[in-house]
Amino acid sequence: MTGPMLPEPFADLAAFAEWSVPVERDRHRKRVTSDLAAARAFYEAMLPRMEAIITYLNARPWESLSAAERNLVALACAFMEVTHPVELGWKATDIEDAFPYERVEFLSVSARPWGEAASA
């Protein structure tokens, strides 16, 4: 990728670039395959920045977000993925004996990368 990973006001979050995953299925996989310490570190870095991230993104037209801004959207979505294990005090990033994440199938918008139109 050429250019910055994230918009300049959020460049300090680039250390968490691995969490910037554009597809919901892949964000889910990232969460359940990460250890709780990594999820907690990501959560703690993002939580105080979320209001600024939302304000920043709400001021821009969604259809013309730059690549760095789309990465910021994906980072914010990943933050939402890790809130349950962190805030609810889970012992792991997935629920023991839950439906295997490998078999989860996301449909419709959730299954498409950012900006990819639905096929007719």
PDB file of N, CA and C in Angstrom:
ATOM      1  N   MET A   1       0.843  -1.177   0.000  1.00  0.00           N
ATOM      2  CA  MET A   1       0.000   0.000   0.000  1.00  0.00           C
ATOM      3  C   MET A   1       0.882   1.231   0.000  1.00  0.00           C
ATOM      4  N   THR A   2       0.600   2.174  -0.855  1.00  0.00           N
ATOM      5  CA  THR A   2       1.319   3.441  -0.840  1.00  0.00           C
ATOM      6  C   THR A   2       0.538   4.407   0.034  1.00  0.00           C
ATOM      7  N   GLY A   3       1.240   5.342   0.638  1.00  0.00           N
ATOM      8  CA  GLY A   3       0.581   6.284   1.524  1.00  0.00           C
ATOM      9  C   GLY A   3       0.478   5.724   2.927  1.00  0.00           C
ATOM     10  N   PRO A   4      -0.091   6.521   3.814  1.00  0.00           N
ATOM     11  CA  PRO A   4      -0.163   6.108   5.213  1.00  0.00           C
ATOM     12  C   PRO A   4      -1.167   4.982   5.435  1.00  0.00           C
ATOM     13  N   MET A   5      -0.902   4.182   6.446  1.00  0.00           N
ATOM     14  CA  MET A   5      -1.799   3.090   6.829  1.00  0.00           C
ATOM     15  C   MET A   5      -3.116   3.646   7.377  1.00  0.00           C
ATOM     16  N   LEU A   6      -3.007   4.727   8.160  1.00  0.00           N
ATOM     17  CA  LEU A   6      -4.161   5.352   8.796  1.00  0.00           C
ATOM     18  C   LEU A   6      -4.094   6.861   8.592  1.00  0.00           C
ATOM     19  N   PRO A   7      -5.217   7.554   8.710  1.00  0.00           N
ATOM     20  CA  PRO A   7      -5.165   9.015   8.646  1.00  0.00           C
ATOM     21  C   PRO A   7      -4.222   9.565   9.722  1.00  0.00           C
ATOM     22  N   GLU A   8      -3.574  10.673   9.428  1.00  0.00           N
ATOM     23  CA  GLU A   8      -2.547  11.240  10.304  1.00  0.00           C
ATOM     24  C   GLU A   8      -2.974  11.377  11.769  1.00  0.00           C
ATOM     25  N   PRO A   9      -4.195  11.825  12.082  1.00  0.00           N
ATOM     26  CA  PRO A   9      -4.557  11.954  13.497  1.00  0.00           C
ATOM     27  C   PRO A   9      -4.560  10.627  14.262  1.00  0.00           C
ATOM     28  N   PHE A  10      -4.521   9.517  13.527  1.00  0.00           N
ATOM     29  CA  PHE A  10      -4.588   8.200  14.153  1.00  0.00           C
ATOM     30  C   PHE A  10      -3.357   7.352  13.839  1.00  0.00           C
ATOM     31  N   ALA A  11      -2.299   7.991  13.401  1.00  0.00           N
ATOM     32  CA  ALA A  11      -1.076   7.278  13.016  1.00  0.00           C
ATOM     33  C   ALA A  11      -0.508   6.451  14.159  1.00  0.00           C
ATOM     34  N   ASP A  12      -0.730   6.886  15.385  1.00  0.00           N
ATOM     35  CA  ASP A  12      -0.217   6.139  16.537  1.00  0.00           C
ATOM     36  C   ASP A  12      -0.856   4.759  16.666  1.00  0.00           C
ATOM     37  N   LEU A  13      -1.983   4.539  16.040  1.00  0.00           N
ATOM     38  CA  LEU A  13      -2.651   3.236  16.099  1.00  0.00           C
ATOM     39  C   LEU A  13      -2.124   2.262  15.050  1.00  0.00           C
ATOM     40  N   ALA A  14      -1.180   2.708  14.226  1.00  0.00           N
ATOM     41  CA  ALA A  14      -0.617   1.833  13.187  1.00  0.00           C
ATOM     42  C   ALA A  14       0.045   0.597  13.781  1.00  0.00           C
ATOM     43  N   ALA A  15       0.434   0.662  15.046  1.00  0.00           N
ATOM     44  CA  ALA A  15       1.011  -0.512  15.708  1.00  0.00           C
ATOM     45  C   ALA A  15       0.010  -1.669  15.751  1.00  0.00           C
ATOM     46  N   PHE A  16      -1.265  -1.357  15.570  1.00  0.00           N
ATOM     47  CA  PHE A  16      -2.314  -2.377  15.602  1.00  0.00           C
ATOM     48  C   PHE A  16      -2.855  -2.673  14.203  1.00  0.00           C
ATOM     49  N   ALA A  17      -2.047  -2.419  13.180  1.00  0.00           N
ATOM     50  CA  ALA A  17      -2.469  -2.597  11.786  1.00  0.00           C
ATOM     51  C   ALA A  17      -2.990  -4.003  11.503  1.00  0.00           C
ATOM     52  N   GLU A  18      -2.462  -5.005  12.175  1.00  0.00           N
ATOM     53  CA  GLU A  18      -2.906  -6.380  11.929  1.00  0.00           C
ATOM     54  C   GLU A  18      -4.389  -6.570  12.250  1.00  0.00           C
ATOM     55  N   TRP A  19      -4.963  -5.679  13.051  1.00  0.00           N
ATOM     56  CA  TRP A  19      -6.381  -5.757  13.388  1.00  0.00           C
ATOM     57  C   TRP A  19      -7.258  -5.081  12.334  1.00  0.00           C
ATOM     58  N   SER A  20      -6.677  -4.359  11.405  1.00  0.00           N
ATOM     59  CA  SER A  20      -7.433  -3.654  10.371  1.00  0.00           C
ATOM     60  C   SER A  20      -7.774  -4.627   9.249  1.00  0.00           C
ATOM     61  N   VAL A  21      -8.855  -5.359   9.451  1.00  0.00           N
ATOM     62  CA  VAL A  21      -9.275  -6.417   8.533  1.00  0.00           C
ATOM     63  C   VAL A  21     -10.628  -6.012   7.943  1.00  0.00           C
ATOM     64  N   PRO A  22     -10.732  -5.869   6.606  1.00  0.00           N
ATOM     65  CA  PRO A  22     -11.934  -5.282   6.005  1.00  0.00           C
ATOM     66  C   PRO A  22     -13.173  -6.170   5.929  1.00  0.00           C
ATOM     67  N   VAL A  23     -13.042  -7.470   6.120  1.00  0.00           N
ATOM     68  CA  VAL A  23     -14.178  -8.377   5.953  1.00  0.00           C
ATOM     69  C   VAL A  23     -14.564  -8.959   7.317  1.00  0.00           C
ATOM     70  N   GLU A  24     -15.859  -8.940   7.628  1.00  0.00           N
ATOM     71  CA  GLU A  24     -16.343  -9.365   8.938  1.00  0.00           C
ATOM     72  C   GLU A  24     -15.882 -10.778   9.301  1.00  0.00           C
ATOM     73  N   ARG A  25     -15.989 -11.702   8.374  1.00  0.00           N
ATOM     74  CA  ARG A  25     -15.581 -13.088   8.625  1.00  0.00           C
ATOM     75  C   ARG A  25     -14.125 -13.139   9.073  1.00  0.00           C
ATOM     76  N   ASP A  26     -13.281 -12.364   8.410  1.00  0.00           N
ATOM     77  CA  ASP A  26     -11.857 -12.354   8.737  1.00  0.00           C
ATOM     78  C   ASP A  26     -11.579 -11.631  10.053  1.00  0.00           C
ATOM     79  N   ARG A  27     -12.380 -10.613  10.377  1.00  0.00           N
ATOM     80  CA  ARG A  27     -12.243  -9.959  11.689  1.00  0.00           C
ATOM     81  C   ARG A  27     -12.611 -10.931  12.795  1.00  0.00           C
ATOM     82  N   HIS A  28     -13.678 -11.686  12.576  1.00  0.00           N
ATOM     83  CA  HIS A  28     -14.095 -12.694  13.558  1.00  0.00           C
ATOM     84  C   HIS A  28     -12.970 -13.710  13.759  1.00  0.00           C
ATOM     85  N   ARG A  29     -12.409 -14.182  12.662  1.00  0.00           N
ATOM     86  CA  ARG A  29     -11.303 -15.144  12.730  1.00  0.00           C
ATOM     87  C   ARG A  29     -10.110 -14.541  13.472  1.00  0.00           C
ATOM     88  N   LYS A  30      -9.801 -13.275  13.191  1.00  0.00           N
ATOM     89  CA  LYS A  30      -8.692 -12.600  13.870  1.00  0.00           C
ATOM     90  C   LYS A  30      -8.923 -12.593  15.378  1.00  0.00           C
ATOM     91  N   ARG A  31     -10.155 -12.292  15.797  1.00  0.00           N
ATOM     92  CA  ARG A  31     -10.447 -12.264  17.230  1.00  0.00           C
ATOM     93  C   ARG A  31     -10.294 -13.632  17.867  1.00  0.00           C
ATOM     94  N   VAL A  32     -10.921 -14.643  17.283  1.00  0.00           N
ATOM     95  CA  VAL A  32     -10.916 -15.954  17.943  1.00  0.00           C
ATOM     96  C   VAL A  32      -9.558 -16.638  17.890  1.00  0.00           C
ATOM     97  N   THR A  33      -8.681 -16.224  16.990  1.00  0.00           N
ATOM     98  CA  THR A  33      -7.351 -16.835  16.920  1.00  0.00           C
ATOM     99  C   THR A  33      -6.287 -16.006  17.634  1.00  0.00           C
ATOM    100  N   SER A  34      -6.680 -14.865  18.194  1.00  0.00           N
ATOM    101  CA  SER A  34      -5.737 -14.029  18.949  1.00  0.00           C
ATOM    102  C   SER A  34      -5.842 -14.368  20.427  1.00  0.00           C
ATOM    103  N   ASP A  35      -4.740 -14.182  21.145  1.00  0.00           N
ATOM    104  CA  ASP A  35      -4.837 -14.424  22.582  1.00  0.00           C
ATOM    105  C   ASP A  35      -5.466 -13.215  23.267  1.00  0.00           C
ATOM    106  N   LEU A  36      -5.960 -13.439  24.462  1.00  0.00           N
ATOM    107  CA  LEU A  36      -6.687 -12.403  25.185  1.00  0.00           C
ATOM    108  C   LEU A  36      -5.807 -11.206  25.511  1.00  0.00           C
ATOM    109  N   ALA A  37      -4.534 -11.428  25.775  1.00  0.00           N
ATOM    110  CA  ALA A  37      -3.627 -10.308  26.077  1.00  0.00           C
ATOM    111  C   ALA A  37      -3.507  -9.366  24.877  1.00  0.00           C
ATOM    112  N   ALA A  38      -3.406  -9.922  23.682  1.00  0.00           N
ATOM    113  CA  ALA A  38      -3.321  -9.093  22.471  1.00  0.00           C
ATOM    114  C   ALA A  38      -4.629  -8.347  22.242  1.00  0.00           C
ATOM    115  N   ALA A  39      -5.750  -9.027  22.440  1.00  0.00           N
ATOM    116  CA  ALA A  39      -7.057  -8.385  22.280  1.00  0.00           C
ATOM    117  C   ALA A  39      -7.219  -7.257  23.299  1.00  0.00           C
ATOM    118  N   ARG A  40      -6.784  -7.493  24.529  1.00  0.00           N
ATOM    119  CA  ARG A  40      -6.894  -6.470  25.571  1.00  0.00           C
ATOM    120  C   ARG A  40      -6.016  -5.259  25.254  1.00  0.00           C
ATOM    121  N   ALA A  41      -4.806  -5.489  24.773  1.00  0.00           N
ATOM    122  CA  ALA A  41      -3.910  -4.380  24.415  1.00  0.00           C
ATOM    123  C   ALA A  41      -4.526  -3.539  23.298  1.00  0.00           C
ATOM    124  N   PHE A  42      -5.095  -4.202  22.303  1.00  0.00           N
ATOM    125  CA  PHE A  42      -5.766  -3.502  21.206  1.00  0.00           C
ATOM    126  C   PHE A  42      -6.953  -2.701  21.740  1.00  0.00           C
ATOM    127  N   TYR A  43      -7.773  -3.333  22.555  1.00  0.00           N
ATOM    128  CA  TYR A  43      -8.939  -2.684  23.151  1.00  0.00           C
ATOM    129  C   TYR A  43      -8.530  -1.442  23.940  1.00  0.00           C
ATOM    130  N   GLU A  44      -7.513  -1.573  24.770  1.00  0.00           N
ATOM    131  CA  GLU A  44      -7.083  -0.458  25.623  1.00  0.00           C
ATOM    132  C   GLU A  44      -6.508   0.703  24.816  1.00  0.00           C
ATOM    133  N   ALA A  45      -5.904   0.411  23.678  1.00  0.00           N
ATOM    134  CA  ALA A  45      -5.402   1.479  22.804  1.00  0.00           C
ATOM    135  C   ALA A  45      -6.549   2.169  22.067  1.00  0.00           C
ATOM    136  N   MET A  46      -7.549   1.406  21.687  1.00  0.00           N
ATOM    137  CA  MET A  46      -8.653   1.944  20.884  1.00  0.00           C
ATOM    138  C   MET A  46      -9.725   2.655  21.701  1.00  0.00           C
ATOM    139  N   LEU A  47     -10.030   2.162  22.880  1.00  0.00           N
ATOM    140  CA  LEU A  47     -11.154   2.697  23.653  1.00  0.00           C
ATOM    141  C   LEU A  47     -11.103   4.217  23.817  1.00  0.00           C
ATOM    142  N   PRO A  48      -9.988   4.796  24.252  1.00  0.00           N
ATOM    143  CA  PRO A  48      -9.984   6.249  24.419  1.00  0.00           C
ATOM    144  C   PRO A  48     -10.017   7.026  23.097  1.00  0.00           C
ATOM    145  N   ARG A  49      -9.826   6.354  21.980  1.00  0.00           N
ATOM    146  CA  ARG A  49      -9.793   7.014  20.668  1.00  0.00           C
ATOM    147  C   ARG A  49     -11.090   6.871  19.884  1.00  0.00           C
ATOM    148  N   MET A  50     -11.994   6.011  20.342  1.00  0.00           N
ATOM    149  CA  MET A  50     -13.186   5.710  19.546  1.00  0.00           C
ATOM    150  C   MET A  50     -14.063   6.932  19.281  1.00  0.00           C
ATOM    151  N   GLU A  51     -14.251   7.799  20.252  1.00  0.00           N
ATOM    152  CA  GLU A  51     -15.077   8.979  20.008  1.00  0.00           C
ATOM    153  C   GLU A  51     -14.470   9.842  18.901  1.00  0.00           C
ATOM    154  N   ALA A  52     -13.157  10.024  18.937  1.00  0.00           N
ATOM    155  CA  ALA A  52     -12.480  10.814  17.898  1.00  0.00           C
ATOM    156  C   ALA A  52     -12.561  10.116  16.541  1.00  0.00           C
ATOM    157  N   ILE A  53     -12.444   8.798  16.533  1.00  0.00           N
ATOM    158  CA  ILE A  53     -12.542   8.039  15.284  1.00  0.00           C
ATOM    159  C   ILE A  53     -13.933   8.206  14.678  1.00  0.00           C
ATOM    160  N   ILE A  54     -14.958   8.065  15.493  1.00  0.00           N
ATOM    161  CA  ILE A  54     -16.332   8.195  15.005  1.00  0.00           C
ATOM    162  C   ILE A  54     -16.580   9.603  14.472  1.00  0.00           C
ATOM    163  N   THR A  55     -16.144  10.601  15.213  1.00  0.00           N
ATOM    164  CA  THR A  55     -16.311  11.993  14.778  1.00  0.00           C
ATOM    165  C   THR A  55     -15.594  12.226  13.454  1.00  0.00           C
ATOM    166  N   TYR A  56     -14.367  11.729  13.354  1.00  0.00           N
ATOM    167  CA  TYR A  56     -13.569  11.888  12.134  1.00  0.00           C
ATOM    168  C   TYR A  56     -14.274  11.245  10.942  1.00  0.00           C
ATOM    169  N   LEU A  57     -14.712  10.005  11.101  1.00  0.00           N
ATOM    170  CA  LEU A  57     -15.330   9.285   9.986  1.00  0.00           C
ATOM    171  C   LEU A  57     -16.702   9.845   9.622  1.00  0.00           C
ATOM    172  N   ASN A  58     -17.460  10.288  10.607  1.00  0.00           N
ATOM    173  CA  ASN A  58     -18.783  10.858  10.326  1.00  0.00           C
ATOM    174  C   ASN A  58     -18.707  12.152   9.529  1.00  0.00           C
ATOM    175  N   ALA A  59     -17.565  12.805   9.543  1.00  0.00           N
ATOM    176  CA  ALA A  59     -17.398  14.065   8.808  1.00  0.00           C
ATOM    177  C   ALA A  59     -17.008  13.848   7.351  1.00  0.00           C
ATOM    178  N   ARG A  60     -16.900  12.586   6.924  1.00  0.00           N
ATOM    179  CA  ARG A  60     -16.470  12.275   5.566  1.00  0.00           C
ATOM    180  C   ARG A  60     -17.533  11.472   4.824  1.00  0.00           C
ATOM    181  N   PRO A  61     -17.671  11.702   3.517  1.00  0.00           N
ATOM    182  CA  PRO A  61     -18.625  10.892   2.742  1.00  0.00           C
ATOM    183  C   PRO A  61     -18.110   9.451   2.617  1.00  0.00           C
ATOM    184  N   TRP A  62     -18.929   8.510   3.013  1.00  0.00           N
ATOM    185  CA  TRP A  62     -18.519   7.101   3.026  1.00  0.00           C
ATOM    186  C   TRP A  62     -18.083   6.601   1.654  1.00  0.00           C
ATOM    187  N   GLU A  63     -18.758   7.062   0.611  1.00  0.00           N
ATOM    188  CA  GLU A  63     -18.457   6.540  -0.726  1.00  0.00           C
ATOM    189  C   GLU A  63     -17.113   7.015  -1.263  1.00  0.00           C
ATOM    190  N   SER A  64     -16.491   7.981  -0.612  1.00  0.00           N
ATOM    191  CA  SER A  64     -15.203   8.468  -1.120  1.00  0.00           C
ATOM    192  C   SER A  64     -14.096   8.421  -0.067  1.00  0.00           C
ATOM    193  N   LEU A  65     -14.195   7.499   0.876  1.00  0.00           N
ATOM    194  CA  LEU A  65     -13.137   7.366   1.879  1.00  0.00           C
ATOM    195  C   LEU A  65     -11.837   6.920   1.217  1.00  0.00           C
ATOM    196  N   SER A  66     -10.744   7.459   1.692  1.00  0.00           N
ATOM    197  CA  SER A  66      -9.428   7.042   1.199  1.00  0.00           C
ATOM    198  C   SER A  66      -9.100   5.653   1.747  1.00  0.00           C
ATOM    199  N   ALA A  67      -8.054   5.040   1.228  1.00  0.00           N
ATOM    200  CA  ALA A  67      -7.626   3.728   1.723  1.00  0.00           C
ATOM    201  C   ALA A  67      -7.296   3.801   3.211  1.00  0.00           C
ATOM    202  N   ALA A  68      -6.623   4.855   3.635  1.00  0.00           N
ATOM    203  CA  ALA A  68      -6.275   5.013   5.052  1.00  0.00           C
ATOM    204  C   ALA A  68      -7.536   5.142   5.906  1.00  0.00           C
ATOM    205  N   GLU A  69      -8.533   5.848   5.403  1.00  0.00           N
ATOM    206  CA  GLU A  69      -9.793   6.001   6.140  1.00  0.00           C
ATOM    207  C   GLU A  69     -10.564   4.686   6.187  1.00  0.00           C
ATOM    208  N   ARG A  70     -10.519   3.911   5.114  1.00  0.00           N
ATOM    209  CA  ARG A  70     -11.159   2.585   5.131  1.00  0.00           C
ATOM    210  C   ARG A  70     -10.455   1.666   6.126  1.00  0.00           C
ATOM    211  N   ASN A  71      -9.133   1.786   6.230  1.00  0.00           N
ATOM    212  CA  ASN A  71      -8.401   1.018   7.240  1.00  0.00           C
ATOM    213  C   ASN A  71      -8.852   1.405   8.644  1.00  0.00           C
ATOM    214  N   LEU A  72      -9.126   2.687   8.847  1.00  0.00           N
ATOM    215  CA  LEU A  72      -9.603   3.153  10.148  1.00  0.00           C
ATOM    216  C   LEU A  72     -10.984   2.574  10.456  1.00  0.00           C
ATOM    217  N   VAL A  73     -11.850   2.499   9.450  1.00  0.00           N
ATOM    218  CA  VAL A  73     -13.164   1.867   9.629  1.00  0.00           C
ATOM    219  C   VAL A  73     -12.975   0.413  10.052  1.00  0.00           C
ATOM    220  N   ALA A  74     -12.108  -0.312   9.364  1.00  0.00           N
ATOM    221  CA  ALA A  74     -11.867  -1.718   9.698  1.00  0.00           C
ATOM    222  C   ALA A  74     -11.304  -1.857  11.106  1.00  0.00           C
ATOM    223  N   LEU A  75     -10.439  -0.948  11.501  1.00  0.00           N
ATOM    224  CA  LEU A  75      -9.875  -0.971  12.851  1.00  0.00           C
ATOM    225  C   LEU A  75     -10.981  -0.755  13.888  1.00  0.00           C
ATOM    226  N   ALA A  76     -11.887   0.178  13.622  1.00  0.00           N
ATOM    227  CA  ALA A  76     -13.005   0.427  14.537  1.00  0.00           C
ATOM    228  C   ALA A  76     -13.927  -0.793  14.615  1.00  0.00           C
ATOM    229  N   CYS A  77     -14.154  -1.449  13.501  1.00  0.00           N
ATOM    230  CA  CYS A  77     -14.977  -2.663  13.499  1.00  0.00           C
ATOM    231  C   CYS A  77     -14.299  -3.775  14.292  1.00  0.00           C
ATOM    232  N   ALA A  78     -12.989  -3.893  14.167  1.00  0.00           N
ATOM    233  CA  ALA A  78     -12.251  -4.900  14.932  1.00  0.00           C
ATOM    234  C   ALA A  78     -12.339  -4.602  16.424  1.00  0.00           C
ATOM    235  N   PHE A  79     -12.305  -3.323  16.777  1.00  0.00           N
ATOM    236  CA  PHE A  79     -12.477  -2.945  18.183  1.00  0.00           C
ATOM    237  C   PHE A  79     -13.800  -3.502  18.710  1.00  0.00           C
ATOM    238  N   MET A  80     -14.862  -3.369  17.914  1.00  0.00           N
ATOM    239  CA  MET A  80     -16.165  -3.880  18.343  1.00  0.00           C
ATOM    240  C   MET A  80     -16.141  -5.394  18.512  1.00  0.00           C
ATOM    241  N   GLU A  81     -15.339  -6.076  17.696  1.00  0.00           N
ATOM    242  CA  GLU A  81     -15.214  -7.533  17.823  1.00  0.00           C
ATOM    243  C   GLU A  81     -14.595  -7.942  19.162  1.00  0.00           C
ATOM    244  N   VAL A  82     -13.653  -7.151  19.662  1.00  0.00           N
ATOM    245  CA  VAL A  82     -12.949  -7.550  20.892  1.00  0.00           C
ATOM    246  C   VAL A  82     -13.616  -7.046  22.166  1.00  0.00           C
ATOM    247  N   THR A  83     -14.654  -6.222  22.044  1.00  0.00           N
ATOM    248  CA  THR A  83     -15.266  -5.689  23.263  1.00  0.00           C
ATOM    249  C   THR A  83     -15.876  -6.772  24.141  1.00  0.00           C
ATOM    250  N   HIS A  84     -16.524  -7.763  23.570  1.00  0.00           N
ATOM    251  CA  HIS A  84     -17.148  -8.803  24.397  1.00  0.00           C
ATOM    252  C   HIS A  84     -16.133  -9.570  25.239  1.00  0.00           C
ATOM    253  N   PRO A  85     -15.104 -10.140  24.650  1.00  0.00           N
ATOM    254  CA  PRO A  85     -14.171 -10.884  25.499  1.00  0.00           C
ATOM    255  C   PRO A  85     -13.508 -10.016  26.567  1.00  0.00           C
ATOM    256  N   VAL A  86     -13.212  -8.774  26.240  1.00  0.00           N
ATOM    257  CA  VAL A  86     -12.517  -7.910  27.199  1.00  0.00           C
ATOM    258  C   VAL A  86     -13.482  -7.397  28.267  1.00  0.00           C
ATOM    259  N   GLU A  87     -14.580  -6.791  27.851  1.00  0.00           N
ATOM    260  CA  GLU A  87     -15.492  -6.173  28.812  1.00  0.00           C
ATOM    261  C   GLU A  87     -16.255  -7.183  29.662  1.00  0.00           C
ATOM    262  N   LEU A  88     -16.517  -8.348  29.113  1.00  0.00           N
ATOM    263  CA  LEU A  88     -17.271  -9.353  29.865  1.00  0.00           C
ATOM    264  C   LEU A  88     -16.374 -10.304  30.647  1.00  0.00           C
ATOM    265  N   GLY A  89     -15.066 -10.068  30.585  1.00  0.00           N
ATOM    266  CA  GLY A  89     -14.135 -10.858  31.389  1.00  0.00           C
ATOM    267  C   GLY A  89     -13.977 -12.301  30.952  1.00  0.00           C
ATOM    268  N   TRP A  90     -14.095 -12.531  29.643  1.00  0.00           N
ATOM    269  CA  TRP A  90     -13.888 -13.892  29.155  1.00  0.00           C
ATOM    270  C   TRP A  90     -12.476 -14.350  29.489  1.00  0.00           C
ATOM    271  N   LYS A  91     -12.283 -15.653  29.553  1.00  0.00           N
ATOM    272  CA  LYS A  91     -10.955 -16.222  29.800  1.00  0.00           C
ATOM    273  C   LYS A  91     -10.195 -16.455  28.498  1.00  0.00           C
ATOM    274  N   ALA A  92     -10.892 -16.300  27.386  1.00  0.00           N
ATOM    275  CA  ALA A  92     -10.294 -16.475  26.054  1.00  0.00           C
ATOM    276  C   ALA A  92     -11.064 -15.580  25.084  1.00  0.00           C
ATOM    277  N   THR A  93     -10.584 -15.501  23.850  1.00  0.00           N
ATOM    278  CA  THR A  93     -11.247 -14.647  22.862  1.00  0.00           C
ATOM    279  C   THR A  93     -12.382 -15.355  22.133  1.00  0.00           C
ATOM    280  N   ASP A  94     -12.616 -16.605  22.459  1.00  0.00           N
ATOM    281  CA  ASP A  94     -13.721 -17.349  21.877  1.00  0.00           C
ATOM    282  C   ASP A  94     -14.429 -18.084  23.002  1.00  0.00           C
ATOM    283  N   ILE A  95     -15.621 -18.537  22.734  1.00  0.00           N
ATOM    284  CA  ILE A  95     -16.400 -19.254  23.732  1.00  0.00           C
ATOM    285  C   ILE A  95     -16.099 -20.740  23.600  1.00  0.00           C
ATOM    286  N   GLU A  96     -15.717 -21.340  24.712  1.00  0.00           N
ATOM    287  CA  GLU A  96     -15.430 -22.773  24.712  1.00  0.00           C
ATOM    288  C   GLU A  96     -16.684 -23.536  24.292  1.00  0.00           C
ATOM    289  N   ASP A  97     -16.503 -24.538  23.478  1.00  0.00           N
ATOM    290  CA  ASP A  97     -17.589 -25.383  22.979  1.00  0.00           C
ATOM    291  C   ASP A  97     -18.588 -24.631  22.096  1.00  0.00           C
ATOM    292  N   ALA A  98     -18.192 -23.473  21.579  1.00  0.00           N
ATOM    293  CA  ALA A  98     -19.057 -22.736  20.654  1.00  0.00           C
ATOM    294  C   ALA A  98     -18.965 -23.371  19.267  1.00  0.00           C
ATOM    295  N   PHE A  99     -19.858 -22.966  18.392  1.00  0.00           N
ATOM    296  CA  PHE A  99     -19.813 -23.412  17.006  1.00  0.00           C
ATOM    297  C   PHE A  99     -18.442 -23.056  16.450  1.00  0.00           C
ATOM    298  N   PRO A 100     -17.739 -23.985  15.803  1.00  0.00           N
ATOM    299  CA  PRO A 100     -16.379 -23.714  15.318  1.00  0.00           C
ATOM    300  C   PRO A 100     -16.333 -22.521  14.358  1.00  0.00           C
ATOM    301  N   TYR A 101     -15.444 -21.574  14.640  1.00  0.00           N
ATOM    302  CA  TYR A 101     -15.369 -20.362  13.817  1.00  0.00           C
ATOM    303  C   TYR A 101     -15.072 -20.690  12.359  1.00  0.00           C
ATOM    304  N   GLU A 102     -14.382 -21.804  12.111  1.00  0.00           N
ATOM    305  CA  GLU A 102     -14.038 -22.175  10.743  1.00  0.00           C
ATOM    306  C   GLU A 102     -15.284 -22.483   9.915  1.00  0.00           C
ATOM    307  N   ARG A 103     -16.384 -22.813  10.587  1.00  0.00           N
ATOM    308  CA  ARG A 103     -17.606 -23.186   9.887  1.00  0.00           C
ATOM    309  C   ARG A 103     -18.606 -22.043   9.791  1.00  0.00           C
ATOM    310  N   VAL A 104     -18.290 -20.902  10.396  1.00  0.00           N
ATOM    311  CA  VAL A 104     -19.188 -19.752  10.335  1.00  0.00           C
ATOM    312  C   VAL A 104     -19.173 -19.188   8.924  1.00  0.00           C
ATOM    313  N   GLU A 105     -20.355 -18.977   8.369  1.00  0.00           N
ATOM    314  CA  GLU A 105     -20.455 -18.409   7.027  1.00  0.00           C
ATOM    315  C   GLU A 105     -21.190 -17.079   7.112  1.00  0.00           C
ATOM    316  N   PHE A 106     -20.524 -16.018   6.691  1.00  0.00           N
ATOM    317  CA  PHE A 106     -21.134 -14.696   6.678  1.00  0.00           C
ATOM    318  C   PHE A 106     -21.703 -14.457   5.285  1.00  0.00           C
ATOM    319  N   LEU A 107     -22.870 -13.878   5.228  1.00  0.00           N
ATOM    320  CA  LEU A 107     -23.549 -13.662   3.962  1.00  0.00           C
ATOM    321  C   LEU A 107     -23.741 -12.180   3.685  1.00  0.00           C
ATOM    322  N   SER A 108     -24.107 -11.862   2.468  1.00  0.00           N
ATOM    323  CA  SER A 108     -24.462 -10.514   2.045  1.00  0.00           C
ATOM    324  C   SER A 108     -23.307  -9.543   2.237  1.00  0.00           C
ATOM    325  N   VAL A 109     -23.604  -8.361   2.750  1.00  0.00           N
ATOM    326  CA  VAL A 109     -22.614  -7.296   2.876  1.00  0.00           C
ATOM    327  C   VAL A 109     -21.423  -7.743   3.713  1.00  0.00           C
ATOM    328  N   SER A 110     -21.665  -8.529   4.749  1.00  0.00           N
ATOM    329  CA  SER A 110     -20.593  -8.962   5.639  1.00  0.00           C
ATOM    330  C   SER A 110     -19.530  -9.787   4.937  1.00  0.00           C
ATOM    331  N   ALA A 111     -19.878 -10.429   3.846  1.00  0.00           N
ATOM    332  CA  ALA A 111     -18.950 -11.316   3.162  1.00  0.00           C
ATOM    333  C   ALA A 111     -18.140 -10.615   2.081  1.00  0.00           C
ATOM    334  N   ARG A 112     -18.456  -9.340   1.814  1.00  0.00           N
ATOM    335  CA  ARG A 112     -17.765  -8.627   0.737  1.00  0.00           C
ATOM    336  C   ARG A 112     -16.738  -7.658   1.298  1.00  0.00           C
ATOM    337  N   PRO A 113     -15.608  -7.520   0.619  1.00  0.00           N
ATOM    338  CA  PRO A 113     -14.643  -6.488   1.018  1.00  0.00           C
ATOM    339  C   PRO A 113     -15.245  -5.103   0.835  1.00  0.00           C
ATOM    340  N   TRP A 114     -14.654  -4.147   1.504  1.00  0.00           N
ATOM    341  CA  TRP A 114     -15.112  -2.757   1.466  1.00  0.00           C
ATOM    342  C   TRP A 114     -15.283  -2.271   0.029  1.00  0.00           C
ATOM    343  N   GLY A 115     -16.434  -1.695  -0.267  1.00  0.00           N
ATOM    344  CA  GLY A 115     -16.662  -1.059  -1.551  1.00  0.00           C
ATOM    345  C   GLY A 115     -17.017  -1.993  -2.690  1.00  0.00           C
ATOM    346  N   GLU A 116     -16.996  -3.286  -2.468  1.00  0.00           N
ATOM    347  CA  GLU A 116     -17.330  -4.224  -3.542  1.00  0.00           C
ATOM    348  C   GLU A 116     -18.846  -4.308  -3.658  1.00  0.00           C
ATOM    349  N   ALA A 117     -19.366  -4.070  -4.833  1.00  0.00           N
ATOM    350  CA  ALA A 117     -20.809  -4.074  -5.058  1.00  0.00           C
ATOM    351  C   ALA A 117     -21.354  -5.495  -5.064  1.00  0.00           C
ATOM    352  N   ALA A 118     -22.608  -5.625  -4.667  1.00  0.00           N
ATOM    353  CA  ALA A 118     -23.279  -6.921  -4.707  1.00  0.00           C
ATOM    354  C   ALA A 118     -23.531  -7.300  -6.154  1.00  0.00           C
ATOM    355  N   SER A 119     -23.423  -8.585  -6.449  1.00  0.00           N
ATOM    356  CA  SER A 119     -23.717  -9.033  -7.810  1.00  0.00           C
ATOM    357  C   SER A 119     -25.229  -9.102  -7.979  1.00  0.00           C
ATOM    358  N   ALA A 120     -25.684  -8.787  -9.155  1.00  0.00           N
ATOM    359  CA  ALA A 120     -27.131  -8.739  -9.423  1.00  0.00           C
ATOM    360  C   ALA A 120     -27.714 -10.112  -9.579  1.00  0.00           C
TER     361      ALA A 120
END
